[in-house]
């Protein structure tokens, strides 16, 4: 199945908006470090509440 230019443009717009929104969400956490809540997933592998929130937003 080949997508038309209009379909590709629409998908790019949707993805760009989602990425921007996730970035804004992540920044809101980093502007308030007291809510960042850093945890370890494994050796040298950290995950924050911001990571979880952005992942949930993009799902």
N, C-alpha and C. Protein backbone atom coordinates (compact mmCIF):
# COMPACT_ATOMS: atom_id res chain seq x y z
N UNK A 1 0.83 -1.18 0.00
CA UNK A 1 0.00 0.00 0.00
C UNK A 1 0.88 1.25 0.00
N UNK A 2 0.68 2.08 -0.95
CA UNK A 2 1.45 3.31 -1.05
C UNK A 2 0.60 4.48 -0.56
N UNK A 3 1.20 5.31 0.28
CA UNK A 3 0.49 6.46 0.81
C UNK A 3 0.64 7.65 -0.14
N UNK A 4 -0.40 8.44 -0.22
CA UNK A 4 -0.34 9.64 -1.05
C UNK A 4 0.46 10.71 -0.32
N UNK A 5 0.85 11.74 -1.04
CA UNK A 5 1.56 12.86 -0.43
C UNK A 5 0.71 13.50 0.67
N UNK A 6 -0.58 13.60 0.45
CA UNK A 6 -1.47 14.19 1.45
C UNK A 6 -1.51 13.33 2.72
N UNK A 7 -1.55 12.00 2.56
CA UNK A 7 -1.55 11.10 3.71
C UNK A 7 -0.23 11.21 4.48
N UNK A 8 0.87 11.24 3.75
CA UNK A 8 2.17 11.38 4.40
C UNK A 8 2.28 12.71 5.13
N UNK A 9 1.80 13.76 4.52
CA UNK A 9 1.83 15.09 5.14
C UNK A 9 0.99 15.10 6.41
N UNK A 10 -0.17 14.47 6.35
CA UNK A 10 -1.04 14.41 7.53
C UNK A 10 -0.35 13.63 8.66
N UNK A 11 0.25 12.51 8.33
CA UNK A 11 0.95 11.71 9.35
C UNK A 11 2.12 12.48 9.95
N UNK A 12 2.84 13.21 9.11
CA UNK A 12 3.96 14.00 9.61
C UNK A 12 3.47 15.09 10.55
N UNK A 13 2.39 15.73 10.20
CA UNK A 13 1.82 16.77 11.06
C UNK A 13 1.39 16.19 12.40
N UNK A 14 0.69 15.07 12.37
CA UNK A 14 0.23 14.42 13.60
C UNK A 14 1.42 14.01 14.48
N UNK A 15 2.43 13.42 13.87
CA UNK A 15 3.61 12.98 14.63
C UNK A 15 4.35 14.17 15.21
N UNK A 16 4.49 15.23 14.43
CA UNK A 16 5.19 16.43 14.91
C UNK A 16 4.47 17.05 16.10
N UNK A 17 3.15 17.10 16.03
CA UNK A 17 2.37 17.65 17.14
C UNK A 17 2.50 16.79 18.40
N UNK A 18 2.48 15.48 18.24
CA UNK A 18 2.62 14.58 19.39
C UNK A 18 4.01 14.71 20.01
N UNK A 19 5.02 14.82 19.18
CA UNK A 19 6.39 14.96 19.67
C UNK A 19 6.55 16.28 20.42
N UNK A 20 5.99 17.36 19.87
CA UNK A 20 6.08 18.66 20.53
C UNK A 20 5.38 18.60 21.88
N UNK A 21 4.20 18.00 21.93
CA UNK A 21 3.44 17.89 23.18
C UNK A 21 4.21 17.07 24.22
N UNK A 22 4.81 15.98 23.79
CA UNK A 22 5.60 15.16 24.72
C UNK A 22 6.81 15.95 25.23
N UNK A 23 7.44 16.70 24.36
CA UNK A 23 8.57 17.54 24.77
C UNK A 23 8.17 18.57 25.80
N UNK A 24 7.02 19.21 25.60
CA UNK A 24 6.52 20.19 26.56
C UNK A 24 6.22 19.52 27.91
N UNK A 25 5.67 18.33 27.85
CA UNK A 25 5.37 17.59 29.08
C UNK A 25 6.66 17.28 29.84
N UNK A 26 7.67 16.79 29.14
CA UNK A 26 8.95 16.47 29.76
C UNK A 26 9.57 17.73 30.37
N UNK A 27 9.55 18.83 29.63
CA UNK A 27 10.10 20.08 30.15
C UNK A 27 9.40 20.53 31.42
N UNK A 28 8.10 20.31 31.51
CA UNK A 28 7.37 20.72 32.71
C UNK A 28 7.88 19.98 33.94
N UNK A 29 8.32 18.73 33.76
CA UNK A 29 8.90 17.99 34.88
C UNK A 29 10.27 18.54 35.24
N UNK A 30 11.10 18.82 34.25
CA UNK A 30 12.45 19.26 34.51
C UNK A 30 12.49 20.68 35.06
N UNK A 31 11.43 21.45 34.87
CA UNK A 31 11.34 22.78 35.47
C UNK A 31 10.97 22.69 36.95
N UNK A 32 10.49 21.53 37.37
CA UNK A 32 10.13 21.28 38.77
C UNK A 32 10.83 20.01 39.23
N UNK A 33 12.13 20.09 39.49
CA UNK A 33 12.90 18.88 39.81
C UNK A 33 12.38 18.10 41.01
N UNK A 34 11.63 18.74 41.89
CA UNK A 34 11.11 18.03 43.06
C UNK A 34 10.09 16.96 42.68
N UNK A 35 9.52 17.02 41.46
CA UNK A 35 8.56 16.00 41.03
C UNK A 35 9.17 15.02 40.01
N UNK A 36 10.46 15.14 39.77
CA UNK A 36 11.10 14.33 38.74
C UNK A 36 11.10 12.84 39.09
N UNK A 37 11.38 12.46 40.33
CA UNK A 37 11.31 11.07 40.79
C UNK A 37 12.10 10.12 39.90
N UNK A 38 13.41 10.14 40.07
CA UNK A 38 14.32 9.31 39.26
C UNK A 38 14.43 7.91 39.87
N UNK A 39 14.27 6.90 39.04
CA UNK A 39 14.39 5.51 39.48
C UNK A 39 15.40 4.80 38.57
N UNK A 40 15.88 3.67 39.02
CA UNK A 40 16.83 2.88 38.24
C UNK A 40 16.12 1.67 37.65
N UNK A 41 16.27 1.49 36.34
CA UNK A 41 15.73 0.29 35.68
C UNK A 41 16.77 -0.81 35.68
N UNK A 42 18.01 -0.43 35.88
CA UNK A 42 19.12 -1.37 35.87
C UNK A 42 20.41 -0.59 35.97
N UNK A 43 21.52 -1.27 35.91
CA UNK A 43 22.81 -0.57 36.00
C UNK A 43 22.92 0.48 34.89
N UNK A 44 23.15 1.70 35.27
CA UNK A 44 23.32 2.81 34.33
C UNK A 44 22.09 3.02 33.44
N UNK A 45 20.93 2.67 33.90
CA UNK A 45 19.70 2.79 33.11
C UNK A 45 18.63 3.44 33.99
N UNK A 46 18.51 4.77 33.87
CA UNK A 46 17.59 5.52 34.71
C UNK A 46 16.30 5.84 33.97
N UNK A 47 15.22 5.96 34.72
CA UNK A 47 13.93 6.33 34.16
C UNK A 47 13.29 7.31 35.14
N UNK A 48 12.62 8.31 34.60
CA UNK A 48 12.00 9.33 35.45
C UNK A 48 10.48 9.31 35.26
N UNK A 49 9.80 10.03 36.15
CA UNK A 49 8.36 10.20 36.01
C UNK A 49 8.05 10.89 34.68
N UNK A 50 8.94 11.78 34.26
CA UNK A 50 8.77 12.46 32.96
C UNK A 50 8.80 11.46 31.81
N UNK A 51 9.71 10.50 31.89
CA UNK A 51 9.79 9.46 30.87
C UNK A 51 8.49 8.66 30.79
N UNK A 52 7.99 8.27 31.96
CA UNK A 52 6.74 7.50 32.00
C UNK A 52 5.57 8.31 31.45
N UNK A 53 5.50 9.61 31.83
CA UNK A 53 4.40 10.45 31.38
C UNK A 53 4.43 10.65 29.87
N UNK A 54 5.62 10.89 29.31
CA UNK A 54 5.75 11.07 27.87
C UNK A 54 5.40 9.78 27.13
N UNK A 55 5.85 8.65 27.66
CA UNK A 55 5.53 7.37 27.05
C UNK A 55 4.02 7.13 27.02
N UNK A 56 3.37 7.43 28.13
CA UNK A 56 1.91 7.27 28.20
C UNK A 56 1.20 8.19 27.22
N UNK A 57 1.69 9.41 27.09
CA UNK A 57 1.10 10.37 26.15
C UNK A 57 1.20 9.86 24.71
N UNK A 58 2.33 9.28 24.37
CA UNK A 58 2.56 8.85 22.99
C UNK A 58 1.95 7.50 22.66
N UNK A 59 1.48 6.77 23.66
CA UNK A 59 0.87 5.46 23.41
C UNK A 59 -0.43 5.58 22.69
